[in-house]
Amino acid sequence: EKGGLMLSVTIPHNTSAVVHLPAASANQ
């Protein structure tokens, strides 16, 4: 949307996740 990307994640209680963001740099 609007030249960008909206990512929404759902992680269950008592668990953890590694989320990879598709961006050229962390500043984006």
PDB file of all heavy atoms in Angstrom:
ATOM      1  N   GLU A   1       0.830  -1.201   0.000  1.00  0.00           N
ATOM      2  CA  GLU A   1       0.000   0.000   0.000  1.00  0.00           C
ATOM      3  C   GLU A   1       0.866   1.254   0.000  1.00  0.00           C
ATOM      4  O   GLU A   1       1.899   1.301   0.667  1.00  0.00           O
ATOM      5  CB  GLU A   1      -0.947   0.017   1.195  1.00  0.00           C
ATOM      6  CG  GLU A   1      -0.295  -0.087   2.544  1.00  0.00           C
ATOM      7  CD  GLU A   1      -1.296  -0.119   3.681  1.00  0.00           C
ATOM      8  OE1 GLU A   1      -2.385  -0.691   3.518  1.00  0.00           O
ATOM      9  OE2 GLU A   1      -0.967   0.430   4.731  1.00  0.00           O
ATOM     10  N   LYS A   2       0.466   2.233  -0.786  1.00  0.00           N
ATOM     11  CA  LYS A   2       1.124   3.548  -0.847  1.00  0.00           C
ATOM     12  C   LYS A   2       2.635   3.455  -0.994  1.00  0.00           C
ATOM     13  O   LYS A   2       3.392   4.103  -0.293  1.00  0.00           O
ATOM     14  CB  LYS A   2       0.762   4.377   0.383  1.00  0.00           C
ATOM     15  CG  LYS A   2      -0.706   4.653   0.533  1.00  0.00           C
ATOM     16  CD  LYS A   2      -0.990   5.462   1.774  1.00  0.00           C
ATOM     17  CE  LYS A   2      -2.496   5.610   1.964  1.00  0.00           C
ATOM     18  NZ  LYS A   2      -2.833   6.274   3.216  1.00  0.00           N
ATOM     19  N   GLY A   3       3.108   2.614  -1.891  1.00  0.00           N
ATOM     20  CA  GLY A   3       4.526   2.483  -2.137  1.00  0.00           C
ATOM     21  C   GLY A   3       5.296   1.768  -1.044  1.00  0.00           C
ATOM     22  O   GLY A   3       6.514   1.723  -1.051  1.00  0.00           O
ATOM     23  N   GLY A   4       4.591   1.197  -0.072  1.00  0.00           N
ATOM     24  CA  GLY A   4       5.244   0.490   1.021  1.00  0.00           C
ATOM     25  C   GLY A   4       4.586  -0.856   1.260  1.00  0.00           C
ATOM     26  O   GLY A   4       3.790  -1.336   0.456  1.00  0.00           O
ATOM     27  N   LEU A   5       4.915  -1.431   2.365  1.00  0.00           N
ATOM     28  CA  LEU A   5       4.398  -2.746   2.712  1.00  0.00           C
ATOM     29  C   LEU A   5       3.933  -2.737   4.157  1.00  0.00           C
ATOM     30  O   LEU A   5       4.646  -2.262   5.039  1.00  0.00           O
ATOM     31  CB  LEU A   5       5.498  -3.802   2.537  1.00  0.00           C
ATOM     32  CG  LEU A   5       5.115  -5.224   2.883  1.00  0.00           C
ATOM     33  CD1 LEU A   5       4.240  -5.816   1.785  1.00  0.00           C
ATOM     34  CD2 LEU A   5       6.342  -6.077   3.090  1.00  0.00           C
ATOM     35  N   MET A   6       2.736  -3.243   4.395  1.00  0.00           N
ATOM     36  CA  MET A   6       2.194  -3.383   5.748  1.00  0.00           C
ATOM     37  C   MET A   6       2.236  -4.863   6.086  1.00  0.00           C
ATOM     38  O   MET A   6       1.696  -5.690   5.352  1.00  0.00           O
ATOM     39  CB  MET A   6       0.764  -2.886   5.796  1.00  0.00           C
ATOM     40  CG  MET A   6       0.029  -3.297   7.016  1.00  0.00           C
ATOM     41  SD  MET A   6       0.405  -2.235   8.363  1.00  0.00           S
ATOM     42  CE  MET A   6      -1.197  -1.750   8.844  1.00  0.00           C
ATOM     43  N   LEU A   7       2.919  -5.207   7.180  1.00  0.00           N
ATOM     44  CA  LEU A   7       3.032  -6.600   7.627  1.00  0.00           C
ATOM     45  C   LEU A   7       2.473  -6.697   9.031  1.00  0.00           C
ATOM     46  O   LEU A   7       2.889  -5.969   9.926  1.00  0.00           O
ATOM     47  CB  LEU A   7       4.494  -7.058   7.614  1.00  0.00           C
ATOM     48  CG  LEU A   7       4.791  -8.440   8.196  1.00  0.00           C
ATOM     49  CD1 LEU A   7       4.109  -9.525   7.371  1.00  0.00           C
ATOM     50  CD2 LEU A   7       6.286  -8.672   8.273  1.00  0.00           C
ATOM     51  N   SER A   8       1.519  -7.590   9.211  1.00  0.00           N
ATOM     52  CA  SER A   8       0.916  -7.833  10.512  1.00  0.00           C
ATOM     53  C   SER A   8       1.131  -9.304  10.855  1.00  0.00           C
ATOM     54  O   SER A   8       0.868 -10.179  10.029  1.00  0.00           O
ATOM     55  CB  SER A   8      -0.584  -7.520  10.456  1.00  0.00           C
ATOM     56  OG  SER A   8      -1.212  -7.836  11.664  1.00  0.00           O
ATOM     57  N   VAL A   9       1.646  -9.578  12.064  1.00  0.00           N
ATOM     58  CA  VAL A   9       1.881 -10.957  12.478  1.00  0.00           C
ATOM     59  C   VAL A   9       1.125 -11.265  13.765  1.00  0.00           C
ATOM     60  O   VAL A   9       0.904 -10.386  14.590  1.00  0.00           O
ATOM     61  CB  VAL A   9       3.387 -11.262  12.660  1.00  0.00           C
ATOM     62  CG1 VAL A   9       4.126 -11.105  11.352  1.00  0.00           C
ATOM     63  CG2 VAL A   9       4.002 -10.393  13.713  1.00  0.00           C
ATOM     64  N   THR A  10       0.739 -12.517  13.908  1.00  0.00           N
ATOM     65  CA  THR A  10       0.089 -13.014  15.116  1.00  0.00           C
ATOM     66  C   THR A  10       0.951 -14.146  15.661  1.00  0.00           C
ATOM     67  O   THR A  10       1.211 -15.123  14.952  1.00  0.00           O
ATOM     68  CB  THR A  10      -1.320 -13.545  14.807  1.00  0.00           C
ATOM     69  OG1 THR A  10      -2.081 -12.496  14.212  1.00  0.00           O
ATOM     70  CG2 THR A  10      -2.011 -14.037  16.058  1.00  0.00           C
ATOM     71  N   ILE A  11       1.389 -13.983  16.909  1.00  0.00           N
ATOM     72  CA  ILE A  11       2.232 -14.976  17.562  1.00  0.00           C
ATOM     73  C   ILE A  11       1.506 -15.429  18.824  1.00  0.00           C
ATOM     74  O   ILE A  11       1.115 -14.602  19.644  1.00  0.00           O
ATOM     75  CB  ILE A  11       3.615 -14.379  17.941  1.00  0.00           C
ATOM     76  CG1 ILE A  11       4.271 -13.709  16.731  1.00  0.00           C
ATOM     77  CG2 ILE A  11       4.506 -15.443  18.552  1.00  0.00           C
ATOM     78  CD1 ILE A  11       4.510 -14.594  15.557  1.00  0.00           C
ATOM     79  N   PRO A  12       1.296 -16.727  19.021  1.00  0.00           N
ATOM     80  CA  PRO A  12       0.580 -17.208  20.203  1.00  0.00           C
ATOM     81  C   PRO A  12       1.326 -16.901  21.509  1.00  0.00           C
ATOM     82  O   PRO A  12       2.553 -16.730  21.513  1.00  0.00           O
ATOM     83  CB  PRO A  12       0.504 -18.722  19.994  1.00  0.00           C
ATOM     84  CG  PRO A  12       0.792 -18.958  18.564  1.00  0.00           C
ATOM     85  CD  PRO A  12       1.665 -17.825  18.127  1.00  0.00           C
ATOM     86  N   HIS A  13       0.585 -16.864  22.598  1.00  0.00           N
ATOM     87  CA  HIS A  13       1.172 -16.694  23.929  1.00  0.00           C
ATOM     88  C   HIS A  13       2.161 -17.823  24.203  1.00  0.00           C
ATOM     89  O   HIS A  13       2.005 -18.938  23.701  1.00  0.00           O
ATOM     90  CB  HIS A  13       0.089 -16.712  25.018  1.00  0.00           C
ATOM     91  CG  HIS A  13      -0.830 -15.546  24.937  1.00  0.00           C
ATOM     92  ND1 HIS A  13      -0.490 -14.291  25.382  1.00  0.00           N
ATOM     93  CD2 HIS A  13      -2.078 -15.436  24.447  1.00  0.00           C
ATOM     94  CE1 HIS A  13      -1.489 -13.466  25.185  1.00  0.00           C
ATOM     95  NE2 HIS A  13      -2.477 -14.134  24.608  1.00  0.00           N
ATOM     96  N   ASN A  14       3.176 -17.524  25.003  1.00  0.00           N
ATOM     97  CA  ASN A  14       4.181 -18.510  25.430  1.00  0.00           C
ATOM     98  C   ASN A  14       4.982 -19.092  24.272  1.00  0.00           C
ATOM     99  O   ASN A  14       5.466 -20.216  24.352  1.00  0.00           O
ATOM    100  CB  ASN A  14       3.540 -19.638  26.243  1.00  0.00           C
ATOM    101  CG  ASN A  14       2.884 -19.124  27.492  1.00  0.00           C
ATOM    102  OD1 ASN A  14       3.440 -18.279  28.190  1.00  0.00           O
ATOM    103  ND2 ASN A  14       1.689 -19.586  27.768  1.00  0.00           N
ATOM    104  N   THR A  15       5.079 -18.348  23.176  1.00  0.00           N
ATOM    105  CA  THR A  15       5.924 -18.745  22.064  1.00  0.00           C
ATOM    106  C   THR A  15       6.762 -17.535  21.658  1.00  0.00           C
ATOM    107  O   THR A  15       6.574 -16.432  22.163  1.00  0.00           O
ATOM    108  CB  THR A  15       5.102 -19.214  20.851  1.00  0.00           C
ATOM    109  OG1 THR A  15       4.334 -18.116  20.353  1.00  0.00           O
ATOM    110  CG2 THR A  15       4.194 -20.366  21.200  1.00  0.00           C
ATOM    111  N   SER A  16       7.686 -17.743  20.738  1.00  0.00           N
ATOM    112  CA  SER A  16       8.487 -16.633  20.224  1.00  0.00           C
ATOM    113  C   SER A  16       8.619 -16.794  18.719  1.00  0.00           C
ATOM    114  O   SER A  16       8.343 -17.855  18.160  1.00  0.00           O
ATOM    115  CB  SER A  16       9.863 -16.588  20.889  1.00  0.00           C
ATOM    116  OG  SER A  16      10.581 -17.767  20.620  1.00  0.00           O
ATOM    117  N   ALA A  17       9.057 -15.708  18.062  1.00  0.00           N
ATOM    118  CA  ALA A  17       9.179 -15.740  16.609  1.00  0.00           C
ATOM    119  C   ALA A  17      10.348 -14.888  16.155  1.00  0.00           C
ATOM    120  O   ALA A  17      10.714 -13.911  16.805  1.00  0.00           O
ATOM    121  CB  ALA A  17       7.899 -15.232  15.964  1.00  0.00           C
ATOM    122  N   VAL A  18      10.904 -15.292  15.035  1.00  0.00           N
ATOM    123  CA  VAL A  18      11.882 -14.487  14.315  1.00  0.00           C
ATOM    124  C   VAL A  18      11.137 -13.969  13.088  1.00  0.00           C
ATOM    125  O   VAL A  18      10.616 -14.762  12.298  1.00  0.00           O
ATOM    126  CB  VAL A  18      13.099 -15.331  13.887  1.00  0.00           C
ATOM    127  CG1 VAL A  18      14.050 -14.523  13.026  1.00  0.00           C
ATOM    128  CG2 VAL A  18      13.810 -15.889  15.105  1.00  0.00           C
ATOM    129  N   VAL A  19      11.065 -12.643  12.960  1.00  0.00           N
ATOM    130  CA  VAL A  19      10.334 -12.037  11.849  1.00  0.00           C
ATOM    131  C   VAL A  19      11.339 -11.358  10.926  1.00  0.00           C
ATOM    132  O   VAL A  19      12.087 -10.481  11.357  1.00  0.00           O
ATOM    133  CB  VAL A  19       9.284 -11.028  12.359  1.00  0.00           C
ATOM    134  CG1 VAL A  19       8.541 -10.392  11.194  1.00  0.00           C
ATOM    135  CG2 VAL A  19       8.305 -11.697  13.319  1.00  0.00           C
ATOM    136  N   HIS A  20      11.348 -11.770   9.671  1.00  0.00           N
ATOM    137  CA  HIS A  20      12.220 -11.183   8.659  1.00  0.00           C
ATOM    138  C   HIS A  20      11.437 -10.101   7.924  1.00  0.00           C
ATOM    139  O   HIS A  20      10.365 -10.381   7.387  1.00  0.00           O
ATOM    140  CB  HIS A  20      12.697 -12.241   7.663  1.00  0.00           C
ATOM    141  CG  HIS A  20      13.485 -13.328   8.304  1.00  0.00           C
ATOM    142  ND1 HIS A  20      14.857 -13.272   8.410  1.00  0.00           N
ATOM    143  CD2 HIS A  20      13.103 -14.485   8.881  1.00  0.00           C
ATOM    144  CE1 HIS A  20      15.287 -14.362   9.022  1.00  0.00           C
ATOM    145  NE2 HIS A  20      14.240 -15.114   9.317  1.00  0.00           N
ATOM    146  N   LEU A  21      11.977  -8.880   7.922  1.00  0.00           N
ATOM    147  CA  LEU A  21      11.328  -7.774   7.240  1.00  0.00           C
ATOM    148  C   LEU A  21      11.980  -7.559   5.879  1.00  0.00           C
ATOM    149  O   LEU A  21      13.197  -7.397   5.799  1.00  0.00           O
ATOM    150  CB  LEU A  21      11.424  -6.494   8.069  1.00  0.00           C
ATOM    151  CG  LEU A  21      10.779  -6.557   9.451  1.00  0.00           C
ATOM    152  CD1 LEU A  21      11.022  -5.260  10.209  1.00  0.00           C
ATOM    153  CD2 LEU A  21       9.296  -6.837   9.333  1.00  0.00           C
ATOM    154  N   PRO A  22      11.185  -7.530   4.814  1.00  0.00           N
ATOM    155  CA  PRO A  22      11.741  -7.346   3.473  1.00  0.00           C
ATOM    156  C   PRO A  22      12.040  -5.866   3.219  1.00  0.00           C
ATOM    157  O   PRO A  22      11.242  -5.145   2.639  1.00  0.00           O
ATOM    158  CB  PRO A  22      10.642  -7.871   2.555  1.00  0.00           C
ATOM    159  CG  PRO A  22       9.383  -7.660   3.330  1.00  0.00           C
ATOM    160  CD  PRO A  22       9.766  -7.816   4.782  1.00  0.00           C
ATOM    161  N   ALA A  23      13.193  -5.387   3.690  1.00  0.00           N
ATOM    162  CA  ALA A  23      13.599  -3.996   3.502  1.00  0.00           C
ATOM    163  C   ALA A  23      15.076  -3.962   3.139  1.00  0.00           C
ATOM    164  O   ALA A  23      15.851  -4.818   3.565  1.00  0.00           O
ATOM    165  CB  ALA A  23      13.349  -3.199   4.779  1.00  0.00           C
ATOM    166  N   ALA A  24      15.466  -2.963   2.363  1.00  0.00           N
ATOM    167  CA  ALA A  24      16.860  -2.829   1.962  1.00  0.00           C
ATOM    168  C   ALA A  24      17.754  -2.464   3.149  1.00  0.00           C
ATOM    169  O   ALA A  24      18.916  -2.825   3.200  1.00  0.00           O
ATOM    170  CB  ALA A  24      16.995  -1.782   0.867  1.00  0.00           C
ATOM    171  N   SER A  25      17.185  -1.745   4.134  1.00  0.00           N
ATOM    172  CA  SER A  25      17.953  -1.391   5.326  1.00  0.00           C
ATOM    173  C   SER A  25      17.007  -1.300   6.520  1.00  0.00           C
ATOM    174  O   SER A  25      15.798  -1.136   6.365  1.00  0.00           O
ATOM    175  CB  SER A  25      18.679  -0.063   5.143  1.00  0.00           C
ATOM    176  OG  SER A  25      17.769   1.028   5.206  1.00  0.00           O
ATOM    177  N   ALA A  26      17.577  -1.376   7.719  1.00  0.00           N
ATOM    178  CA  ALA A  26      16.767  -1.300   8.941  1.00  0.00           C
ATOM    179  C   ALA A  26      16.092   0.058   9.076  1.00  0.00           C
ATOM    180  O   ALA A  26      15.040   0.175   9.709  1.00  0.00           O
ATOM    181  CB  ALA A  26      17.633  -1.580  10.156  1.00  0.00           C
ATOM    182  N   ASN A  27      16.645   1.097   8.492  1.00  0.00           N
ATOM    183  CA  ASN A  27      16.059   2.443   8.570  1.00  0.00           C
ATOM    184  C   ASN A  27      14.741   2.547   7.826  1.00  0.00           C
ATOM    185  O   ASN A  27      13.966   3.458   8.068  1.00  0.00           O
ATOM    186  CB  ASN A  27      17.046   3.480   8.028  1.00  0.00           C
ATOM    187  CG  ASN A  27      18.278   3.598   8.893  1.00  0.00           C
ATOM    188  OD1 ASN A  27      18.242   3.302  10.088  1.00  0.00           O
ATOM    189  ND2 ASN A  27      19.372   4.017   8.293  1.00  0.00           N
ATOM    190  N   GLN A  28      14.470   1.635   6.911  1.00  0.00           N
ATOM    191  CA  GLN A  28      13.233   1.656   6.148  1.00  0.00           C
ATOM    192  C   GLN A  28      12.074   0.998   6.899  1.00  0.00           C
ATOM    193  O   GLN A  28      10.937   1.136   6.497  1.00  0.00           O
ATOM    194  CB  GLN A  28      13.414   0.962   4.802  1.00  0.00           C
ATOM    195  CG  GLN A  28      14.334   1.693   3.849  1.00  0.00           C
ATOM    196  CD  GLN A  28      14.476   0.941   2.548  1.00  0.00           C
ATOM    197  OE1 GLN A  28      14.667  -0.267   2.549  1.00  0.00           O
ATOM    198  NE2 GLN A  28      14.378   1.657   1.455  1.00  0.00           N
TER     199      GLN A  28
END
